[in-house]
Each structure stands twice: as structure tokens, then as C-alpha cells.
Amino acid sequence: MSISKKSVWMEVSQDKYQLPIRVGESSGDLARQCRVTKGYVEQCWYNYKNGKAESTRFVKVEMDEEEI
């Protein structure tokens, strides 16, 4: 039995706690909620993930289907 993965995108507070503000099932869904482009959401996440930014407004969380 294989467990499938699902991504959840979140807008988070820009402090050390990164508390969730909004949650979307995709980067596009979250972008619509935040009134920004999908590219902006993904670029913020990419820059943070690769160490180009110290903090981020958006994060991507990988979860097992069972956790949802």
C-alpha cells in the first residue's frame, strides 16, 4: 500500500512562529485568496527554500493523505 502525498500552500505570519493566516489547496488557490499572482507565491516560496530570503510570506507543506 502506498501513501500518496498532498501539498498544502499557506500564507504565514512573517515572524519566527510562521502562524498560518490563509490555506489553499494549490499555489493558484492561495494566490486568489491573497490577491497576488501564482508566480509571486511560488517565487517567494522558492527564494525562501533556497536560502535567498530570510523569511517568507508563503510556505508549501507536504502531507500524507492520511493526515488530512
Protein backbone atom coordinates (compact mmCIF):
# COMPACT_ATOMS: atom_id res chain seq x y z
CA MET A 1 0.00 0.00 0.00
CA SER A 2 1.43 3.36 -0.97
CA ILE A 3 0.63 6.58 0.80
CA SER A 4 0.10 9.49 -1.55
CA LYS A 5 1.41 12.95 -0.79
CA LYS A 6 -0.57 16.17 -1.00
CA SER A 7 0.72 19.73 -0.94
CA VAL A 8 -0.94 22.48 1.06
CA TRP A 9 0.04 26.11 0.49
CA MET A 10 -0.18 28.62 3.33
CA GLU A 11 0.23 32.32 3.87
CA VAL A 12 2.02 32.63 7.21
CA SER A 13 3.00 35.36 9.63
CA GLN A 14 6.47 36.71 8.94
CA ASP A 15 7.87 36.11 12.41
CA LYS A 16 9.70 33.16 13.96
CA TYR A 17 6.41 31.30 14.58
CA GLN A 18 5.09 31.33 10.98
CA LEU A 19 1.48 31.03 12.13
CA PRO A 20 -1.00 30.25 9.32
CA ILE A 21 -3.13 33.12 8.02
CA ARG A 22 -4.69 31.53 4.91
CA VAL A 23 -4.60 27.99 3.49
CA GLY A 24 -5.04 26.90 -0.12
CA GLU A 25 -5.05 23.56 -1.91
CA SER A 26 -2.73 24.96 -4.61
CA SER A 27 -0.48 27.95 -5.15
CA GLY A 28 -3.10 29.37 -7.53
CA ASP A 29 -5.88 28.95 -4.97
CA LEU A 30 -3.82 30.74 -2.32
CA ALA A 31 -2.83 33.47 -4.77
CA ARG A 32 -6.51 34.23 -5.49
CA GLN A 33 -7.24 34.48 -1.76
CA CYS A 34 -4.28 36.85 -1.23
CA ARG A 35 -4.93 38.85 -4.43
CA VAL A 36 -1.47 38.22 -5.85
CA THR A 37 -0.25 36.15 -8.80
CA LYS A 38 0.52 32.45 -8.65
CA GLY A 39 4.05 33.27 -9.82
CA TYR A 40 4.57 35.62 -6.87
CA VAL A 41 3.51 32.95 -4.36
CA GLU A 42 5.81 30.35 -5.93
CA GLN A 43 8.76 32.78 -6.25
CA CYS A 44 8.51 33.75 -2.56
CA TRP A 45 8.48 30.08 -1.56
CA TYR A 46 11.36 29.21 -3.94
CA ASN A 47 13.56 32.05 -2.67
CA TYR A 48 12.99 31.05 0.96
CA LYS A 49 13.51 27.35 0.30
CA ASN A 50 16.82 28.00 -1.48
CA GLY A 51 18.18 30.45 1.10
CA LYS A 52 17.77 33.60 -1.00
CA ALA A 53 15.35 35.11 1.56
CA GLU A 54 15.47 35.02 5.37
CA SER A 55 11.69 34.97 5.81
CA THR A 56 8.70 34.28 3.63
CA ARG A 57 5.03 35.07 3.39
CA PHE A 58 4.17 31.74 1.73
CA VAL A 59 5.09 28.14 2.50
CA LYS A 60 4.34 24.77 0.94
CA VAL A 61 3.71 21.83 3.27
CA GLU A 62 3.86 18.22 2.05
CA MET A 63 1.43 15.94 3.88
CA ASP A 64 0.37 12.32 3.65
CA GLU A 65 -3.23 11.87 2.52
CA GLU A 66 -3.91 10.13 5.86
CA GLU A 67 -3.00 13.33 7.79
CA ILE A 68 -5.62 15.42 6.02
